[in-house]
Amino acid sequence: MVRLIIALLLPWLTFFTIGMPIQGIICLILQLTLIGWIPAAIWAVYQLSQYNTDKKIAEAARARDQG
């Protein structure tokens, strides 16, 4: 929930919190223009959802391998 709020308000910071610093720098450059803020926020929210999906898949694979 907190990461979603960060993705909307400070999109570039989201990339740093999920371990994607190069994309974070690119997003920051995009965000510096007011026109680029909306695409930056959309990109951050999308990447955050992909990050969460990847974590769930990894957890399911780990659970399957253990049990």
PDB file of N, CA and C in Angstrom:
ATOM      1  N   MET A   1       0.820  -1.187   0.000  1.00  0.00           N
ATOM      2  CA  MET A   1       0.000   0.000   0.000  1.00  0.00           C
ATOM      3  C   MET A   1       0.868   1.256   0.000  1.00  0.00           C
ATOM      4  N   VAL A   2       1.907   1.266   0.822  1.00  0.00           N
ATOM      5  CA  VAL A   2       2.796   2.421   0.892  1.00  0.00           C
ATOM      6  C   VAL A   2       3.541   2.591  -0.427  1.00  0.00           C
ATOM      7  N   ARG A   3       3.986   1.484  -0.999  1.00  0.00           N
ATOM      8  CA  ARG A   3       4.690   1.571  -2.280  1.00  0.00           C
ATOM      9  C   ARG A   3       3.779   2.095  -3.385  1.00  0.00           C
ATOM     10  N   LEU A   4       2.505   1.789  -3.335  1.00  0.00           N
ATOM     11  CA  LEU A   4       1.568   2.303  -4.335  1.00  0.00           C
ATOM     12  C   LEU A   4       1.435   3.819  -4.215  1.00  0.00           C
ATOM     13  N   ILE A   5       1.368   4.320  -3.004  1.00  0.00           N
ATOM     14  CA  ILE A   5       1.301   5.769  -2.799  1.00  0.00           C
ATOM     15  C   ILE A   5       2.590   6.427  -3.286  1.00  0.00           C
ATOM     16  N   ILE A   6       3.719   5.811  -2.980  1.00  0.00           N
ATOM     17  CA  ILE A   6       4.995   6.333  -3.464  1.00  0.00           C
ATOM     18  C   ILE A   6       5.027   6.319  -4.988  1.00  0.00           C
ATOM     19  N   ALA A   7       4.501   5.256  -5.596  1.00  0.00           N
ATOM     20  CA  ALA A   7       4.492   5.152  -7.066  1.00  0.00           C
ATOM     21  C   ALA A   7       3.694   6.281  -7.697  1.00  0.00           C
ATOM     22  N   LEU A   8       2.665   6.739  -7.034  1.00  0.00           N
ATOM     23  CA  LEU A   8       1.852   7.827  -7.579  1.00  0.00           C
ATOM     24  C   LEU A   8       2.457   9.201  -7.314  1.00  0.00           C
ATOM     25  N   LEU A   9       3.064   9.382  -6.153  1.00  0.00           N
ATOM     26  CA  LEU A   9       3.594  10.695  -5.787  1.00  0.00           C
ATOM     27  C   LEU A   9       5.045  10.903  -6.212  1.00  0.00           C
ATOM     28  N   LEU A  10       5.868   9.893  -6.016  1.00  0.00           N
ATOM     29  CA  LEU A  10       7.288   9.951  -6.376  1.00  0.00           C
ATOM     30  C   LEU A  10       7.655   8.696  -7.165  1.00  0.00           C
ATOM     31  N   PRO A  11       7.233   8.641  -8.424  1.00  0.00           N
ATOM     32  CA  PRO A  11       7.427   7.410  -9.198  1.00  0.00           C
ATOM     33  C   PRO A  11       8.868   6.904  -9.237  1.00  0.00           C
ATOM     34  N   TRP A  12       9.838   7.802  -9.329  1.00  0.00           N
ATOM     35  CA  TRP A  12      11.228   7.377  -9.423  1.00  0.00           C
ATOM     36  C   TRP A  12      11.678   6.630  -8.178  1.00  0.00           C
ATOM     37  N   LEU A  13      11.154   6.991  -7.022  1.00  0.00           N
ATOM     38  CA  LEU A  13      11.552   6.347  -5.777  1.00  0.00           C
ATOM     39  C   LEU A  13      11.091   4.890  -5.721  1.00  0.00           C
ATOM     40  N   THR A  14       9.985   4.595  -6.375  1.00  0.00           N
ATOM     41  CA  THR A  14       9.475   3.226  -6.409  1.00  0.00           C
ATOM     42  C   THR A  14      10.511   2.270  -6.986  1.00  0.00           C
ATOM     43  N   PHE A  15      11.174   2.698  -8.051  1.00  0.00           N
ATOM     44  CA  PHE A  15      12.162   1.836  -8.694  1.00  0.00           C
ATOM     45  C   PHE A  15      13.341   1.541  -7.770  1.00  0.00           C
ATOM     46  N   PHE A  16      13.722   2.523  -6.963  1.00  0.00           N
ATOM     47  CA  PHE A  16      14.811   2.289  -6.016  1.00  0.00           C
ATOM     48  C   PHE A  16      14.388   1.324  -4.913  1.00  0.00           C
ATOM     49  N   THR A  17      13.108   1.360  -4.514  1.00  0.00           N
ATOM     50  CA  THR A  17      12.656   0.472  -3.440  1.00  0.00           C
ATOM     51  C   THR A  17      12.507  -0.968  -3.917  1.00  0.00           C
ATOM     52  N   ILE A  18      12.375  -1.190  -5.233  1.00  0.00           N
ATOM     53  CA  ILE A  18      12.250  -2.561  -5.731  1.00  0.00           C
ATOM     54  C   ILE A  18      13.528  -3.040  -6.410  1.00  0.00           C
ATOM     55  N   GLY A  19      14.612  -2.285  -6.237  1.00  0.00           N
ATOM     56  CA  GLY A  19      15.915  -2.731  -6.712  1.00  0.00           C
ATOM     57  C   GLY A  19      16.163  -2.503  -8.191  1.00  0.00           C
ATOM     58  N   MET A  20      15.646  -1.417  -8.748  1.00  0.00           N
ATOM     59  CA  MET A  20      15.853  -1.096 -10.161  1.00  0.00           C
ATOM     60  C   MET A  20      16.360   0.349 -10.269  1.00  0.00           C
ATOM     61  N   PRO A  21      17.607   0.612  -9.859  1.00  0.00           N
ATOM     62  CA  PRO A  21      18.084   1.997  -9.796  1.00  0.00           C
ATOM     63  C   PRO A  21      18.236   2.684 -11.155  1.00  0.00           C
ATOM     64  N   ILE A  22      18.620   1.963 -12.187  1.00  0.00           N
ATOM     65  CA  ILE A  22      18.781   2.592 -13.506  1.00  0.00           C
ATOM     66  C   ILE A  22      17.432   3.070 -14.025  1.00  0.00           C
ATOM     67  N   GLN A  23      16.401   2.243 -13.884  1.00  0.00           N
ATOM     68  CA  GLN A  23      15.061   2.664 -14.281  1.00  0.00           C
ATOM     69  C   GLN A  23      14.589   3.825 -13.423  1.00  0.00           C
ATOM     70  N   GLY A  24      15.009   3.863 -12.161  1.00  0.00           N
ATOM     71  CA  GLY A  24      14.658   4.962 -11.271  1.00  0.00           C
ATOM     72  C   GLY A  24      15.227   6.284 -11.756  1.00  0.00           C
ATOM     73  N   ILE A  25      16.468   6.258 -12.239  1.00  0.00           N
ATOM     74  CA  ILE A  25      17.083   7.474 -12.765  1.00  0.00           C
ATOM     75  C   ILE A  25      16.369   7.922 -14.041  1.00  0.00           C
ATOM     76  N   ILE A  26      16.052   6.967 -14.920  1.00  0.00           N
ATOM     77  CA  ILE A  26      15.317   7.300 -16.144  1.00  0.00           C
ATOM     78  C   ILE A  26      13.950   7.874 -15.801  1.00  0.00           C
ATOM     79  N   CYS A  27      13.286   7.279 -14.830  1.00  0.00           N
ATOM     80  CA  CYS A  27      11.976   7.754 -14.410  1.00  0.00           C
ATOM     81  C   CYS A  27      12.072   9.156 -13.800  1.00  0.00           C
ATOM     82  N   LEU A  28      13.120   9.421 -13.054  1.00  0.00           N
ATOM     83  CA  LEU A  28      13.317  10.744 -12.471  1.00  0.00           C
ATOM     84  C   LEU A  28      13.467  11.792 -13.562  1.00  0.00           C
ATOM     85  N   ILE A  29      14.231  11.475 -14.579  1.00  0.00           N
ATOM     86  CA  ILE A  29      14.399  12.401 -15.704  1.00  0.00           C
ATOM     87  C   ILE A  29      13.054  12.639 -16.383  1.00  0.00           C
ATOM     88  N   LEU A  30      12.284  11.585 -16.581  1.00  0.00           N
ATOM     89  CA  LEU A  30      10.958  11.718 -17.177  1.00  0.00           C
ATOM     90  C   LEU A  30      10.036  12.539 -16.278  1.00  0.00           C
ATOM     91  N   GLN A  31      10.132  12.327 -14.980  1.00  0.00           N
ATOM     92  CA  GLN A  31       9.262  12.995 -14.030  1.00  0.00           C
ATOM     93  C   GLN A  31       9.575  14.482 -13.897  1.00  0.00           C
ATOM     94  N   LEU A  32      10.770  14.902 -14.228  1.00  0.00           N
ATOM     95  CA  LEU A  32      11.142  16.305 -14.080  1.00  0.00           C
ATOM     96  C   LEU A  32      10.298  17.228 -14.954  1.00  0.00           C
ATOM     97  N   THR A  33       9.707  16.687 -15.996  1.00  0.00           N
ATOM     98  CA  THR A  33       8.773  17.479 -16.790  1.00  0.00           C
ATOM     99  C   THR A  33       7.373  17.175 -16.278  1.00  0.00           C
ATOM    100  N   LEU A  34       6.533  18.180 -16.228  1.00  0.00           N
ATOM    101  CA  LEU A  34       5.177  17.947 -15.735  1.00  0.00           C
ATOM    102  C   LEU A  34       4.405  17.021 -16.664  1.00  0.00           C
ATOM    103  N   ILE A  35       4.682  17.094 -17.956  1.00  0.00           N
ATOM    104  CA  ILE A  35       4.006  16.211 -18.913  1.00  0.00           C
ATOM    105  C   ILE A  35       4.434  14.760 -18.678  1.00  0.00           C
ATOM    106  N   GLY A  36       5.680  14.562 -18.298  1.00  0.00           N
ATOM    107  CA  GLY A  36       6.196  13.217 -18.087  1.00  0.00           C
ATOM    108  C   GLY A  36       5.788  12.593 -16.767  1.00  0.00           C
ATOM    109  N   TRP A  37       5.196  13.379 -15.876  1.00  0.00           N
ATOM    110  CA  TRP A  37       4.833  12.860 -14.557  1.00  0.00           C
ATOM    111  C   TRP A  37       3.810  11.736 -14.668  1.00  0.00           C
ATOM    112  N   ILE A  38       2.796  11.919 -15.489  1.00  0.00           N
ATOM    113  CA  ILE A  38       1.743  10.898 -15.615  1.00  0.00           C
ATOM    114  C   ILE A  38       2.300   9.594 -16.193  1.00  0.00           C
ATOM    115  N   PRO A  39       3.053   9.636 -17.314  1.00  0.00           N
ATOM    116  CA  PRO A  39       3.636   8.373 -17.784  1.00  0.00           C
ATOM    117  C   PRO A  39       4.596   7.747 -16.769  1.00  0.00           C
ATOM    118  N   ALA A  40       5.327   8.568 -16.030  1.00  0.00           N
ATOM    119  CA  ALA A  40       6.242   8.038 -15.010  1.00  0.00           C
ATOM    120  C   ALA A  40       5.463   7.328 -13.913  1.00  0.00           C
ATOM    121  N   ALA A  41       4.352   7.906 -13.488  1.00  0.00           N
ATOM    122  CA  ALA A  41       3.531   7.280 -12.446  1.00  0.00           C
ATOM    123  C   ALA A  41       2.911   5.983 -12.944  1.00  0.00           C
ATOM    124  N   ILE A  42       2.428   5.982 -14.176  1.00  0.00           N
ATOM    125  CA  ILE A  42       1.849   4.762 -14.750  1.00  0.00           C
ATOM    126  C   ILE A  42       2.912   3.674 -14.846  1.00  0.00           C
ATOM    127  N   TRP A  43       4.103   4.040 -15.313  1.00  0.00           N
ATOM    128  CA  TRP A  43       5.210   3.089 -15.438  1.00  0.00           C
ATOM    129  C   TRP A  43       5.578   2.527 -14.065  1.00  0.00           C
ATOM    130  N   ALA A  44       5.638   3.370 -13.058  1.00  0.00           N
ATOM    131  CA  ALA A  44       5.993   2.921 -11.707  1.00  0.00           C
ATOM    132  C   ALA A  44       4.942   1.966 -11.147  1.00  0.00           C
ATOM    133  N   VAL A  45       3.673   2.278 -11.332  1.00  0.00           N
ATOM    134  CA  VAL A  45       2.607   1.406 -10.832  1.00  0.00           C
ATOM    135  C   VAL A  45       2.654   0.061 -11.555  1.00  0.00           C
ATOM    136  N   TYR A  46       2.892   0.084 -12.856  1.00  0.00           N
ATOM    137  CA  TYR A  46       2.996  -1.163 -13.630  1.00  0.00           C
ATOM    138  C   TYR A  46       4.171  -2.006 -13.137  1.00  0.00           C
ATOM    139  N   GLN A  47       5.332  -1.394 -12.970  1.00  0.00           N
ATOM    140  CA  GLN A  47       6.498  -2.145 -12.505  1.00  0.00           C
ATOM    141  C   GLN A  47       6.288  -2.679 -11.094  1.00  0.00           C
ATOM    142  N   LEU A  48       5.608  -1.924 -10.266  1.00  0.00           N
ATOM    143  CA  LEU A  48       5.315  -2.385  -8.909  1.00  0.00           C
ATOM    144  C   LEU A  48       4.418  -3.614  -8.945  1.00  0.00           C
ATOM    145  N   SER A  49       3.430  -3.620  -9.830  1.00  0.00           N
ATOM    146  CA  SER A  49       2.556  -4.788  -9.932  1.00  0.00           C
ATOM    147  C   SER A  49       3.326  -5.995 -10.461  1.00  0.00           C
ATOM    148  N   GLN A  50       4.237  -5.774 -11.408  1.00  0.00           N
ATOM    149  CA  GLN A  50       5.061  -6.868 -11.911  1.00  0.00           C
ATOM    150  C   GLN A  50       5.977  -7.409 -10.815  1.00  0.00           C
ATOM    151  N   TYR A  51       6.535  -6.524 -10.015  1.00  0.00           N
ATOM    152  CA  TYR A  51       7.398  -6.914  -8.903  1.00  0.00           C
ATOM    153  C   TYR A  51       6.634  -7.788  -7.912  1.00  0.00           C
ATOM    154  N   ASN A  52       5.415  -7.360  -7.570  1.00  0.00           N
ATOM    155  CA  ASN A  52       4.599  -8.131  -6.628  1.00  0.00           C
ATOM    156  C   ASN A  52       4.221  -9.488  -7.209  1.00  0.00           C
ATOM    157  N   THR A  53       3.908  -9.539  -8.497  1.00  0.00           N
ATOM    158  CA  THR A  53       3.578 -10.802  -9.152  1.00  0.00           C
ATOM    159  C   THR A  53       4.774 -11.746  -9.143  1.00  0.00           C
ATOM    160  N   ASP A  54       5.965 -11.218  -9.451  1.00  0.00           N
ATOM    161  CA  ASP A  54       7.170 -12.035  -9.441  1.00  0.00           C
ATOM    162  C   ASP A  54       7.450 -12.607  -8.055  1.00  0.00           C
ATOM    163  N   LYS A  55       7.219 -11.798  -7.009  1.00  0.00           N
ATOM    164  CA  LYS A  55       7.414 -12.288  -5.647  1.00  0.00           C
ATOM    165  C   LYS A  55       6.451 -13.427  -5.329  1.00  0.00           C
ATOM    166  N   LYS A  56       5.192 -13.296  -5.744  1.00  0.00           N
ATOM    167  CA  LYS A  56       4.204 -14.338  -5.487  1.00  0.00           C
ATOM    168  C   LYS A  56       4.550 -15.626  -6.224  1.00  0.00           C
ATOM    169  N   ILE A  57       5.017 -15.509  -7.455  1.00  0.00           N
ATOM    170  CA  ILE A  57       5.410 -16.687  -8.232  1.00  0.00           C
ATOM    171  C   ILE A  57       6.593 -17.379  -7.567  1.00  0.00           C
ATOM    172  N   ALA A  58       7.558 -16.602  -7.115  1.00  0.00           N
ATOM    173  CA  ALA A  58       8.729 -17.184  -6.449  1.00  0.00           C
ATOM    174  C   ALA A  58       8.330 -17.890  -5.156  1.00  0.00           C
ATOM    175  N   GLU A  59       7.417 -17.294  -4.400  1.00  0.00           N
ATOM    176  CA  GLU A  59       6.948 -17.927  -3.167  1.00  0.00           C
ATOM    177  C   GLU A  59       6.208 -19.227  -3.456  1.00  0.00           C
ATOM    178  N   ALA A  60       5.394 -19.245  -4.501  1.00  0.00           N
ATOM    179  CA  ALA A  60       4.659 -20.457  -4.862  1.00  0.00           C
ATOM    180  C   ALA A  60       5.618 -21.553  -5.315  1.00  0.00           C
ATOM    181  N   ALA A  61       6.637 -21.184  -6.069  1.00  0.00           N
ATOM    182  CA  ALA A  61       7.616 -22.164  -6.518  1.00  0.00           C
ATOM    183  C   ALA A  61       8.405 -22.734  -5.331  1.00  0.00           C
ATOM    184  N   ARG A  62       8.734 -21.866  -4.398  1.00  0.00           N
ATOM    185  CA  ARG A  62       9.458 -22.321  -3.198  1.00  0.00           C
ATOM    186  C   ARG A  62       8.586 -23.268  -2.382  1.00  0.00           C
ATOM    187  N   ALA A  63       7.314 -22.947  -2.230  1.00  0.00           N
ATOM    188  CA  ALA A  63       6.381 -23.790  -1.473  1.00  0.00           C
ATOM    189  C   ALA A  63       6.201 -25.129  -2.168  1.00  0.00           C
ATOM    190  N   ARG A  64       6.128 -25.112  -3.501  1.00  0.00           N
ATOM    191  CA  ARG A  64       5.964 -26.356  -4.261  1.00  0.00           C
ATOM    192  C   ARG A  64       7.197 -27.244  -4.120  1.00  0.00           C
ATOM    193  N   ASP A  65       8.378 -26.628  -4.144  1.00  0.00           N
ATOM    194  CA  ASP A  65       9.617 -27.402  -4.020  1.00  0.00           C
ATOM    195  C   ASP A  65       9.804 -27.978  -2.621  1.00  0.00           C
ATOM    196  N   GLN A  66       9.311 -27.290  -1.614  1.00  0.00           N
ATOM    197  CA  GLN A  66       9.458 -27.775  -0.253  1.00  0.00           C
ATOM    198  C   GLN A  66       8.434 -28.837   0.115  1.00  0.00           C
ATOM    199  N   GLY A  67       7.272 -28.745  -0.508  1.00  0.00           N
ATOM    200  CA  GLY A  67       6.210 -29.655  -0.076  1.00  0.00           C
ATOM    201  C   GLY A  67       5.817 -30.561  -1.116  1.00  0.00           C
TER     202      GLY A  67
END
